[in-house]
Amino acid sequence: MQSFMDIIKTRRSVRKYEDTPVADDKLNTVLEAVKWAPSWANTQCWEIIVVKDAAIKQKLQTTLPAKGQPATNAVVQAPVLLAVCGKLESSGYYKSQVTTKFGDWFMFDLGIACENLCLTAHSLGLATVMVGLFDQDRAKEILQVPAGYEVVVLIPLGYPAKETSAPKRREVAEFTHRNTFGH
């Protein structure tokens, strides 16, 4: 069994998938990991749309740019496509008022939930890639997402067609500061 740090270090963004279906128990475990993600005041501002229908995946593929998006094929190739949506004006709000300098906190909470999702998938032998470069408004229309919610990221989920190596990472000392920035 892999250690947690091994799972973190070996997870990759995968853009080529086998056509092997994802078993429901594995999919449910991945979704359970989202359930347990922390969020601002436990708002749990996420909604996940599980897309297996090939026609819907093809429509969603058209929301990606024609050039410059390496995950274009992954959206239709992976057996499961997860559309991660965020509820607006919930996370980071108190009595209907935004409470942070950065406004609505839903993107932060969704990031945590997506990391839980991706690491859990990897621990189960599954692969993912977070796709953020697409026409969110068109995807929202295709997926019939109601007002007050946004489609933030599409995550293909399946078995990797090939292994990939890790890109170079900065050393801890390169991004760590002590007491003040620059020290």
N, C-alpha and C. Protein backbone atom coordinates (compact mmCIF):
# COMPACT_ATOMS: atom_id res chain seq x y z
N MET A 1 0.84 -1.18 0.00
CA MET A 1 0.00 0.00 0.00
C MET A 1 0.89 1.25 0.00
N GLN A 2 0.53 2.21 -0.83
CA GLN A 2 1.31 3.45 -0.93
C GLN A 2 1.08 4.33 0.29
N SER A 3 2.14 5.04 0.68
CA SER A 3 1.97 6.03 1.74
C SER A 3 1.25 7.24 1.14
N PHE A 4 0.72 8.08 2.01
CA PHE A 4 0.03 9.28 1.54
C PHE A 4 0.96 10.17 0.73
N MET A 5 2.21 10.34 1.18
CA MET A 5 3.17 11.16 0.43
C MET A 5 3.49 10.54 -0.92
N ASP A 6 3.52 9.22 -1.01
CA ASP A 6 3.73 8.57 -2.30
C ASP A 6 2.56 8.86 -3.25
N ILE A 7 1.35 8.85 -2.72
CA ILE A 7 0.18 9.17 -3.53
C ILE A 7 0.28 10.59 -4.06
N ILE A 8 0.65 11.52 -3.20
CA ILE A 8 0.80 12.92 -3.62
C ILE A 8 1.90 13.04 -4.69
N LYS A 9 3.03 12.39 -4.46
CA LYS A 9 4.17 12.52 -5.37
C LYS A 9 3.98 11.83 -6.71
N THR A 10 3.13 10.81 -6.77
CA THR A 10 2.98 10.05 -8.02
C THR A 10 1.72 10.38 -8.81
N ARG A 11 0.85 11.22 -8.28
CA ARG A 11 -0.35 11.63 -9.03
C ARG A 11 0.07 12.51 -10.21
N ARG A 12 -0.52 12.28 -11.36
CA ARG A 12 -0.22 13.05 -12.56
C ARG A 12 -1.50 13.51 -13.22
N SER A 13 -1.38 14.54 -14.02
CA SER A 13 -2.48 14.97 -14.88
C SER A 13 -2.42 14.10 -16.13
N VAL A 14 -3.45 13.26 -16.30
CA VAL A 14 -3.46 12.27 -17.38
C VAL A 14 -4.45 12.71 -18.45
N ARG A 15 -4.00 12.64 -19.70
CA ARG A 15 -4.82 13.10 -20.82
C ARG A 15 -5.16 11.99 -21.82
N LYS A 16 -4.72 10.76 -21.55
CA LYS A 16 -5.04 9.61 -22.41
C LYS A 16 -5.54 8.48 -21.52
N TYR A 17 -6.72 7.96 -21.88
CA TYR A 17 -7.40 6.97 -21.03
C TYR A 17 -7.72 5.70 -21.79
N GLU A 18 -7.73 4.59 -21.06
CA GLU A 18 -8.24 3.33 -21.58
C GLU A 18 -9.76 3.43 -21.63
N ASP A 19 -10.40 2.55 -22.39
CA ASP A 19 -11.87 2.56 -22.44
C ASP A 19 -12.50 1.65 -21.40
N THR A 20 -11.72 1.22 -20.42
CA THR A 20 -12.22 0.37 -19.33
C THR A 20 -13.18 1.17 -18.45
N PRO A 21 -14.39 0.66 -18.21
CA PRO A 21 -15.33 1.38 -17.34
C PRO A 21 -14.81 1.50 -15.91
N VAL A 22 -15.24 2.54 -15.23
CA VAL A 22 -14.91 2.74 -13.81
C VAL A 22 -16.02 2.09 -13.00
N ALA A 23 -15.66 1.17 -12.12
CA ALA A 23 -16.65 0.48 -11.28
C ALA A 23 -17.34 1.48 -10.36
N ASP A 24 -18.62 1.24 -10.11
CA ASP A 24 -19.40 2.15 -9.27
C ASP A 24 -18.82 2.32 -7.88
N ASP A 25 -18.25 1.25 -7.31
CA ASP A 25 -17.69 1.39 -5.96
C ASP A 25 -16.49 2.34 -5.96
N LYS A 26 -15.68 2.32 -7.00
CA LYS A 26 -14.55 3.25 -7.09
C LYS A 26 -15.05 4.68 -7.30
N LEU A 27 -16.02 4.85 -8.17
CA LEU A 27 -16.59 6.18 -8.40
C LEU A 27 -17.20 6.73 -7.11
N ASN A 28 -17.90 5.87 -6.39
CA ASN A 28 -18.50 6.31 -5.12
C ASN A 28 -17.44 6.68 -4.09
N THR A 29 -16.33 5.97 -4.07
CA THR A 29 -15.24 6.31 -3.14
C THR A 29 -14.65 7.67 -3.49
N VAL A 30 -14.49 7.95 -4.76
CA VAL A 30 -13.98 9.25 -5.21
C VAL A 30 -14.95 10.36 -4.78
N LEU A 31 -16.23 10.13 -4.96
CA LEU A 31 -17.23 11.13 -4.57
C LEU A 31 -17.31 11.29 -3.05
N GLU A 32 -17.10 10.20 -2.33
CA GLU A 32 -17.06 10.25 -0.86
C GLU A 32 -15.91 11.14 -0.39
N ALA A 33 -14.79 11.14 -1.12
CA ALA A 33 -13.66 12.00 -0.77
C ALA A 33 -14.03 13.47 -0.89
N VAL A 34 -14.88 13.79 -1.85
CA VAL A 34 -15.36 15.17 -1.98
C VAL A 34 -16.22 15.52 -0.76
N LYS A 35 -17.08 14.61 -0.37
CA LYS A 35 -17.95 14.83 0.78
C LYS A 35 -17.17 15.28 2.01
N TRP A 36 -15.98 14.72 2.21
CA TRP A 36 -15.20 14.99 3.41
C TRP A 36 -14.20 16.13 3.27
N ALA A 37 -14.25 16.83 2.15
CA ALA A 37 -13.37 17.98 1.98
C ALA A 37 -13.79 19.11 2.92
N PRO A 38 -12.84 19.82 3.50
CA PRO A 38 -13.21 20.98 4.34
C PRO A 38 -13.72 22.12 3.46
N SER A 39 -14.56 22.96 4.03
CA SER A 39 -15.06 24.14 3.32
C SER A 39 -15.38 25.23 4.33
N TRP A 40 -15.45 26.45 3.83
CA TRP A 40 -15.73 27.62 4.66
C TRP A 40 -17.03 27.39 5.45
N ALA A 41 -16.93 27.42 6.76
CA ALA A 41 -18.09 27.25 7.65
C ALA A 41 -18.94 26.04 7.26
N ASN A 42 -18.27 25.01 6.72
CA ASN A 42 -18.92 23.78 6.29
C ASN A 42 -20.04 24.03 5.27
N THR A 43 -19.84 25.01 4.40
CA THR A 43 -20.86 25.32 3.40
C THR A 43 -21.02 24.23 2.34
N GLN A 44 -19.95 23.44 2.13
CA GLN A 44 -20.02 22.34 1.15
C GLN A 44 -20.65 22.85 -0.16
N CYS A 45 -20.03 23.88 -0.72
CA CYS A 45 -20.61 24.62 -1.85
C CYS A 45 -20.45 23.92 -3.20
N TRP A 46 -20.12 22.64 -3.21
CA TRP A 46 -19.90 21.93 -4.46
C TRP A 46 -21.11 21.10 -4.87
N GLU A 47 -21.23 20.94 -6.16
CA GLU A 47 -22.17 20.01 -6.78
C GLU A 47 -21.37 19.30 -7.88
N ILE A 48 -21.51 18.00 -8.00
CA ILE A 48 -20.76 17.23 -8.99
C ILE A 48 -21.76 16.58 -9.94
N ILE A 49 -21.58 16.82 -11.23
CA ILE A 49 -22.40 16.16 -12.25
C ILE A 49 -21.55 15.04 -12.84
N VAL A 50 -22.00 13.81 -12.69
CA VAL A 50 -21.30 12.63 -13.23
C VAL A 50 -21.83 12.38 -14.63
N VAL A 51 -20.96 12.56 -15.61
CA VAL A 51 -21.36 12.42 -17.02
C VAL A 51 -20.72 11.16 -17.59
N LYS A 52 -21.58 10.23 -18.01
CA LYS A 52 -21.12 9.02 -18.70
C LYS A 52 -21.66 8.97 -20.12
N ASP A 53 -22.69 9.73 -20.38
CA ASP A 53 -23.35 9.76 -21.69
C ASP A 53 -22.40 10.34 -22.75
N ALA A 54 -22.11 9.55 -23.78
CA ALA A 54 -21.15 9.95 -24.82
C ALA A 54 -21.59 11.22 -25.55
N ALA A 55 -22.88 11.37 -25.81
CA ALA A 55 -23.37 12.55 -26.53
C ALA A 55 -23.16 13.83 -25.72
N ILE A 56 -23.39 13.74 -24.42
CA ILE A 56 -23.18 14.92 -23.56
C ILE A 56 -21.68 15.24 -23.47
N LYS A 57 -20.85 14.21 -23.35
CA LYS A 57 -19.40 14.44 -23.32
C LYS A 57 -18.94 15.10 -24.62
N GLN A 58 -19.50 14.68 -25.75
CA GLN A 58 -19.13 15.29 -27.03
C GLN A 58 -19.55 16.76 -27.08
N LYS A 59 -20.72 17.06 -26.56
CA LYS A 59 -21.16 18.47 -26.51
C LYS A 59 -20.22 19.28 -25.62
N LEU A 60 -19.83 18.72 -24.49
CA LEU A 60 -18.91 19.42 -23.59
C LEU A 60 -17.54 19.60 -24.24
N GLN A 61 -17.13 18.63 -25.05
CA GLN A 61 -15.85 18.76 -25.74
C GLN A 61 -15.84 20.00 -26.63
N THR A 62 -16.98 20.37 -27.20
CA THR A 62 -17.05 21.55 -28.07
C THR A 62 -16.87 22.85 -27.29
N THR A 63 -16.91 22.79 -25.97
CA THR A 63 -16.71 24.01 -25.18
C THR A 63 -15.22 24.31 -24.97
N LEU A 64 -14.37 23.35 -25.32
CA LEU A 64 -12.93 23.55 -25.20
C LEU A 64 -12.41 24.25 -26.45
N PRO A 65 -11.35 25.07 -26.32
CA PRO A 65 -10.82 25.76 -27.50
C PRO A 65 -10.26 24.76 -28.51
N ALA A 66 -10.34 25.13 -29.79
CA ALA A 66 -9.87 24.24 -30.86
C ALA A 66 -8.37 23.99 -30.77
N LYS A 67 -7.63 24.97 -30.27
CA LYS A 67 -6.18 24.82 -30.15
C LYS A 67 -5.76 25.21 -28.73
N GLY A 68 -4.68 24.59 -28.28
CA GLY A 68 -4.11 24.97 -27.00
C GLY A 68 -4.65 24.27 -25.78
N GLN A 69 -5.53 23.30 -25.95
CA GLN A 69 -6.07 22.57 -24.81
C GLN A 69 -5.70 21.10 -24.97
N PRO A 70 -4.66 20.63 -24.27
CA PRO A 70 -4.20 19.26 -24.44
C PRO A 70 -5.16 18.19 -23.93
N ALA A 71 -6.18 18.59 -23.17
CA ALA A 71 -7.12 17.60 -22.61
C ALA A 71 -8.39 17.45 -23.45
N THR A 72 -8.40 18.02 -24.65
CA THR A 72 -9.61 17.97 -25.49
C THR A 72 -10.11 16.55 -25.69
N ASN A 73 -9.23 15.63 -26.05
CA ASN A 73 -9.66 14.25 -26.29
C ASN A 73 -10.03 13.52 -25.00
N ALA A 74 -9.38 13.89 -23.90
CA ALA A 74 -9.64 13.22 -22.62
C ALA A 74 -11.10 13.39 -22.18
N VAL A 75 -11.70 14.51 -22.53
CA VAL A 75 -13.08 14.79 -22.13
C VAL A 75 -14.05 13.74 -22.67
N VAL A 76 -13.78 13.23 -23.87
CA VAL A 76 -14.65 12.19 -24.44
C VAL A 76 -14.08 10.80 -24.29
N GLN A 77 -12.75 10.70 -24.14
CA GLN A 77 -12.09 9.40 -24.06
C GLN A 77 -12.28 8.72 -22.70
N ALA A 78 -12.21 9.50 -21.63
CA ALA A 78 -12.36 8.93 -20.28
C ALA A 78 -13.78 8.39 -20.12
N PRO A 79 -13.95 7.27 -19.44
CA PRO A 79 -15.29 6.70 -19.28
C PRO A 79 -16.23 7.56 -18.43
N VAL A 80 -15.66 8.40 -17.56
CA VAL A 80 -16.45 9.28 -16.71
C VAL A 80 -15.90 10.69 -16.83
N LEU A 81 -16.79 11.65 -16.90
CA LEU A 81 -16.41 13.05 -16.87
C LEU A 81 -17.16 13.69 -15.70
N LEU A 82 -16.40 14.27 -14.78
CA LEU A 82 -17.01 14.93 -13.62
C LEU A 82 -17.02 16.44 -13.86
N ALA A 83 -18.19 17.03 -13.81
CA ALA A 83 -18.32 18.48 -13.92
C ALA A 83 -18.50 19.01 -12.51
N VAL A 84 -17.52 19.78 -12.05
CA VAL A 84 -17.54 20.30 -10.69
C VAL A 84 -18.12 21.71 -10.73
N CYS A 85 -19.21 21.88 -10.01
CA CYS A 85 -19.91 23.16 -9.97
C CYS A 85 -19.82 23.75 -8.57
N GLY A 86 -19.88 25.07 -8.50
CA GLY A 86 -19.83 25.75 -7.22
C GLY A 86 -21.06 26.61 -7.01
N LYS A 87 -21.57 26.58 -5.79
CA LYS A 87 -22.69 27.43 -5.41
C LYS A 87 -22.14 28.82 -5.07
N LEU A 88 -22.70 29.83 -5.68
CA LEU A 88 -22.24 31.20 -5.47
C LEU A 88 -22.83 31.80 -4.20
N GLU A 89 -22.13 32.79 -3.65
CA GLU A 89 -22.58 33.57 -2.50
C GLU A 89 -22.97 32.71 -1.30
N SER A 90 -22.17 31.71 -1.06
CA SER A 90 -22.36 30.82 0.08
C SER A 90 -21.06 30.77 0.89
N SER A 91 -20.02 30.25 0.28
CA SER A 91 -18.72 30.15 0.93
C SER A 91 -18.07 31.53 1.02
N GLY A 92 -17.64 31.89 2.22
CA GLY A 92 -17.04 33.21 2.42
C GLY A 92 -18.05 34.29 2.74
N TYR A 93 -19.28 33.88 2.96
CA TYR A 93 -20.35 34.84 3.26
C TYR A 93 -20.85 34.63 4.69
N TYR A 94 -21.29 35.71 5.29
CA TYR A 94 -21.94 35.66 6.60
C TYR A 94 -23.10 36.64 6.54
N LYS A 95 -24.30 36.15 6.81
CA LYS A 95 -25.53 36.96 6.73
C LYS A 95 -25.62 37.68 5.38
N SER A 96 -25.41 36.92 4.31
CA SER A 96 -25.49 37.39 2.93
C SER A 96 -24.46 38.46 2.56
N GLN A 97 -23.44 38.63 3.38
CA GLN A 97 -22.38 39.61 3.09
C GLN A 97 -21.04 38.88 2.91
N VAL A 98 -20.32 39.27 1.87
CA VAL A 98 -19.00 38.69 1.65
C VAL A 98 -18.08 39.14 2.78
N THR A 99 -17.24 38.23 3.25
CA THR A 99 -16.43 38.53 4.44
C THR A 99 -14.93 38.57 4.18
N THR A 100 -14.50 38.29 2.95
CA THR A 100 -13.07 38.27 2.69
C THR A 100 -12.68 39.29 1.63
N LYS A 101 -11.44 39.68 1.64
CA LYS A 101 -10.89 40.59 0.64
C LYS A 101 -11.06 40.00 -0.76
N PHE A 102 -11.02 38.68 -0.86
CA PHE A 102 -11.04 38.01 -2.15
C PHE A 102 -12.45 37.65 -2.62
N GLY A 103 -13.46 38.05 -1.89
CA GLY A 103 -14.83 37.81 -2.33
C GLY A 103 -15.30 36.40 -2.08
N ASP A 104 -16.11 35.91 -3.00
CA ASP A 104 -16.67 34.57 -2.89
C ASP A 104 -15.55 33.55 -2.76
N TRP A 105 -15.61 32.70 -1.76
CA TRP A 105 -14.56 31.75 -1.40
C TRP A 105 -14.76 30.40 -2.08
N PHE A 106 -15.78 30.27 -2.94
CA PHE A 106 -16.13 28.96 -3.50
C PHE A 106 -14.99 28.34 -4.31
N MET A 107 -14.17 29.15 -4.99
CA MET A 107 -13.08 28.59 -5.79
C MET A 107 -12.05 27.89 -4.88
N PHE A 108 -11.79 28.47 -3.73
CA PHE A 108 -10.86 27.86 -2.79
C PHE A 108 -11.41 26.52 -2.31
N ASP A 109 -12.67 26.52 -1.92
CA ASP A 109 -13.30 25.28 -1.43
C ASP A 109 -13.35 24.21 -2.52
N LEU A 110 -13.65 24.61 -3.75
CA LEU A 110 -13.68 23.64 -4.84
C LEU A 110 -12.29 23.08 -5.11
N GLY A 111 -11.27 23.92 -4.96
CA GLY A 111 -9.90 23.44 -5.14
C GLY A 111 -9.56 22.33 -4.15
N ILE A 112 -9.96 22.53 -2.90
CA ILE A 112 -9.71 21.50 -1.89
C ILE A 112 -10.48 20.22 -2.24
N ALA A 113 -11.75 20.37 -2.60
CA ALA A 113 -12.57 19.21 -2.95
C ALA A 113 -11.99 18.47 -4.15
N CYS A 114 -11.51 19.22 -5.15
CA CYS A 114 -10.93 18.59 -6.34
C CYS A 114 -9.63 17.86 -6.01
N GLU A 115 -8.84 18.42 -5.11
CA GLU A 115 -7.61 17.74 -4.72
C GLU A 115 -7.95 16.43 -4.00
N ASN A 116 -8.95 16.44 -3.11
CA ASN A 116 -9.39 15.19 -2.47
C ASN A 116 -9.80 14.19 -3.54
N LEU A 117 -10.58 14.65 -4.51
CA LEU A 117 -11.08 13.80 -5.59
C LEU A 117 -9.92 13.17 -6.37
N CYS A 118 -8.98 14.01 -6.80
CA CYS A 118 -7.88 13.52 -7.64
C CYS A 118 -6.93 12.59 -6.89
N LEU A 119 -6.61 12.91 -5.66
CA LEU A 119 -5.72 12.04 -4.88
C LEU A 119 -6.39 10.70 -4.57
N THR A 120 -7.67 10.74 -4.26
CA THR A 120 -8.38 9.49 -3.99
C THR A 120 -8.45 8.64 -5.26
N ALA A 121 -8.76 9.26 -6.37
CA ALA A 121 -8.80 8.53 -7.65
C ALA A 121 -7.45 7.85 -7.90
N HIS A 122 -6.38 8.60 -7.72
CA HIS A 122 -5.04 8.04 -7.96
C HIS A 122 -4.77 6.87 -7.01
N SER A 123 -5.19 6.98 -5.76
CA SER A 123 -4.96 5.89 -4.80
C SER A 123 -5.70 4.62 -5.20
N LEU A 124 -6.73 4.77 -6.04
CA LEU A 124 -7.53 3.63 -6.51
C LEU A 124 -7.08 3.11 -7.88
N GLY A 125 -5.97 3.68 -8.39
CA GLY A 125 -5.48 3.27 -9.70
C GLY A 125 -6.13 4.01 -10.86
N LEU A 126 -6.91 5.02 -10.55
CA LEU A 126 -7.57 5.83 -11.57
C LEU A 126 -6.75 7.09 -11.85
N ALA A 127 -7.05 7.73 -12.95
CA ALA A 127 -6.34 8.94 -13.34
C ALA A 127 -7.34 10.08 -13.55
N THR A 128 -6.83 11.30 -13.45
CA THR A 128 -7.64 12.51 -13.63
C THR A 128 -6.78 13.60 -14.26
N VAL A 129 -7.46 14.61 -14.74
CA VAL A 129 -6.82 15.87 -15.12
C VAL A 129 -7.89 16.95 -14.91
N MET A 130 -7.47 18.06 -14.33
CA MET A 130 -8.41 19.17 -14.10
C MET A 130 -8.40 20.07 -15.32
N VAL A 131 -9.55 20.20 -15.95
CA VAL A 131 -9.68 21.00 -17.17
C VAL A 131 -10.42 22.28 -16.81
N GLY A 132 -9.71 23.39 -16.91
CA GLY A 132 -10.32 24.67 -16.58
C GLY A 132 -10.46 25.61 -17.76
N LEU A 133 -9.80 25.28 -18.88
CA LEU A 133 -9.85 26.12 -20.07
C LEU A 133 -10.96 25.63 -20.99
N PHE A 134 -12.16 26.17 -20.78
CA PHE A 134 -13.32 25.83 -21.60
C PHE A 134 -14.35 26.94 -21.41
N ASP A 135 -15.38 26.93 -22.23
CA ASP A 135 -16.45 27.93 -22.15
C ASP A 135 -17.43 27.49 -21.05
N GLN A 136 -17.23 28.04 -19.86
CA GLN A 136 -18.05 27.64 -18.72
C GLN A 136 -19.53 27.96 -18.93
N ASP A 137 -19.83 29.06 -19.57
CA ASP A 137 -21.24 29.42 -19.79
C ASP A 137 -21.93 28.42 -20.71
N ARG A 138 -21.25 28.00 -21.75
CA ARG A 138 -21.81 26.99 -22.67
C ARG A 138 -21.96 25.64 -21.95
N ALA A 139 -20.96 25.27 -21.16
CA ALA A 139 -21.04 24.01 -20.40
C ALA A 139 -22.21 24.06 -19.42
N LYS A 140 -22.40 25.21 -18.80
CA LYS A 140 -23.52 25.39 -17.86
C LYS A 140 -24.86 25.14 -18.56
N GLU A 141 -24.95 25.64 -19.78
CA GLU A 141 -26.17 25.44 -20.58
C GLU A 141 -26.36 23.97 -20.93
N ILE A 142 -25.31 23.32 -21.41
CA ILE A 142 -25.37 21.91 -21.79
C ILE A 142 -25.79 21.04 -20.60
N LEU A 143 -25.23 21.35 -19.43
CA LEU A 143 -25.48 20.53 -18.23
C LEU A 143 -26.72 20.98 -17.45
N GLN A 144 -27.39 22.01 -17.93
CA GLN A 144 -28.62 22.52 -17.31
C GLN A 144 -28.40 22.92 -15.85
N VAL A 145 -27.28 23.62 -15.62
CA VAL A 145 -26.94 24.08 -14.28
C VAL A 145 -27.77 25.33 -13.98
N PRO A 146 -28.45 25.38 -12.85
CA PRO A 146 -29.33 26.52 -12.55
C PRO A 146 -28.56 27.78 -12.17
N ALA A 147 -29.26 28.89 -12.19
CA ALA A 147 -28.69 30.17 -11.75
C ALA A 147 -28.22 30.01 -10.31
N GLY A 148 -27.18 30.75 -9.97
CA GLY A 148 -26.63 30.68 -8.62
C GLY A 148 -25.52 29.66 -8.48
N TYR A 149 -25.22 28.95 -9.57
CA TYR A 149 -24.14 27.96 -9.61
C TYR A 149 -23.31 28.19 -10.86
N GLU A 150 -22.04 27.81 -10.79
CA GLU A 150 -21.15 27.90 -11.95
C GLU A 150 -20.45 26.56 -12.16
N VAL A 151 -20.26 26.18 -13.43
CA VAL A 151 -19.41 25.05 -13.76
C VAL A 151 -17.99 25.57 -13.74
N VAL A 152 -17.15 25.02 -12.88
CA VAL A 152 -15.80 25.54 -12.68
C VAL A 152 -14.74 24.68 -13.37
N VAL A 153 -14.86 23.38 -13.27
CA VAL A 153 -13.83 22.49 -13.80
C VAL A 153 -14.46 21.19 -14.30
N LEU A 154 -13.89 20.65 -15.37
CA LEU A 154 -14.26 19.34 -15.87
C LEU A 154 -13.11 18.40 -15.54
N ILE A 155 -13.44 17.23 -15.00
CA ILE A 155 -12.39 16.28 -14.61
C ILE A 155 -12.66 14.92 -15.25
N PRO A 156 -11.93 14.60 -16.34
CA PRO A 156 -12.01 13.24 -16.87
C PRO A 156 -11.50 12.26 -15.82
N LEU A 157 -12.13 11.10 -15.73
CA LEU A 157 -11.79 10.08 -14.74
C LEU A 157 -11.79 8.72 -15.40
N GLY A 158 -10.69 8.00 -15.26
CA GLY A 158 -10.61 6.66 -15.83
C GLY A 158 -9.25 6.06 -15.58
N TYR A 159 -8.96 4.99 -16.31
CA TYR A 159 -7.67 4.31 -16.16
C TYR A 159 -6.68 4.91 -17.16
N PRO A 160 -5.48 5.22 -16.69
CA PRO A 160 -4.50 5.85 -17.58
C PRO A 160 -4.06 4.89 -18.69
N ALA A 161 -3.93 5.44 -19.91
CA ALA A 161 -3.47 4.63 -21.04
C ALA A 161 -1.96 4.46 -21.01
N LYS A 162 -1.25 5.37 -20.32
CA LYS A 162 0.20 5.25 -20.20
C LYS A 162 0.66 5.97 -18.95
N GLU A 163 1.83 5.58 -18.49
CA GLU A 163 2.44 6.22 -17.31
C GLU A 163 3.19 7.47 -17.75
N THR A 164 3.16 8.48 -16.92
CA THR A 164 3.91 9.70 -17.21
C THR A 164 4.83 10.02 -16.05
N SER A 165 5.88 10.75 -16.34
CA SER A 165 6.84 11.10 -15.29
C SER A 165 6.50 12.47 -14.73
N ALA A 166 7.06 12.75 -13.58
CA ALA A 166 6.79 14.01 -12.89
C ALA A 166 7.56 15.16 -13.54
N PRO A 167 6.92 16.31 -13.68
CA PRO A 167 7.67 17.49 -14.12
C PRO A 167 8.56 17.97 -12.98
N LYS A 168 9.55 18.77 -13.33
CA LYS A 168 10.46 19.29 -12.32
C LYS A 168 9.69 20.15 -11.33
N ARG A 169 10.04 20.05 -10.08
CA ARG A 169 9.43 20.83 -9.00
C ARG A 169 10.48 21.72 -8.35
N ARG A 170 10.04 22.87 -7.87
CA ARG A 170 10.94 23.73 -7.11
C ARG A 170 11.26 23.06 -5.78
N GLU A 171 12.44 23.30 -5.27
CA GLU A 171 12.80 22.79 -3.96
C GLU A 171 12.04 23.58 -2.90
N VAL A 172 11.78 22.95 -1.76
CA VAL A 172 11.03 23.59 -0.68
C VAL A 172 11.66 24.93 -0.30
N ALA A 173 12.96 24.99 -0.23
CA ALA A 173 13.65 26.23 0.15
C ALA A 173 13.41 27.36 -0.84
N GLU A 174 13.03 27.03 -2.07
CA GLU A 174 12.80 28.06 -3.09
C GLU A 174 11.47 28.80 -2.90
N PHE A 175 10.51 28.19 -2.20
CA PHE A 175 9.22 28.86 -2.02
C PHE A 175 8.84 29.07 -0.56
N THR A 176 9.75 28.74 0.33
CA THR A 176 9.46 28.88 1.76
C THR A 176 10.15 30.11 2.32
N HIS A 177 9.42 30.88 3.09
CA HIS A 177 9.93 32.09 3.72
C HIS A 177 9.74 31.95 5.23
N ARG A 178 10.61 32.54 6.00
CA ARG A 178 10.53 32.44 7.45
C ARG A 178 10.20 33.80 8.05
N ASN A 179 9.08 33.86 8.69
CA ASN A 179 8.60 35.05 9.42
C ASN A 179 8.15 36.20 8.52
N THR A 180 8.91 36.53 7.48
CA THR A 180 8.48 37.54 6.52
C THR A 180 8.88 37.07 5.12
N PHE A 181 8.24 37.64 4.12
CA PHE A 181 8.52 37.26 2.72
C PHE A 181 9.97 37.62 2.38
N GLY A 182 10.67 36.68 1.78
CA GLY A 182 12.05 36.93 1.38
C GLY A 182 13.09 36.46 2.38
N HIS A 183 12.66 35.96 3.51
CA HIS A 183 13.62 35.48 4.52
C HIS A 183 13.47 33.98 4.71
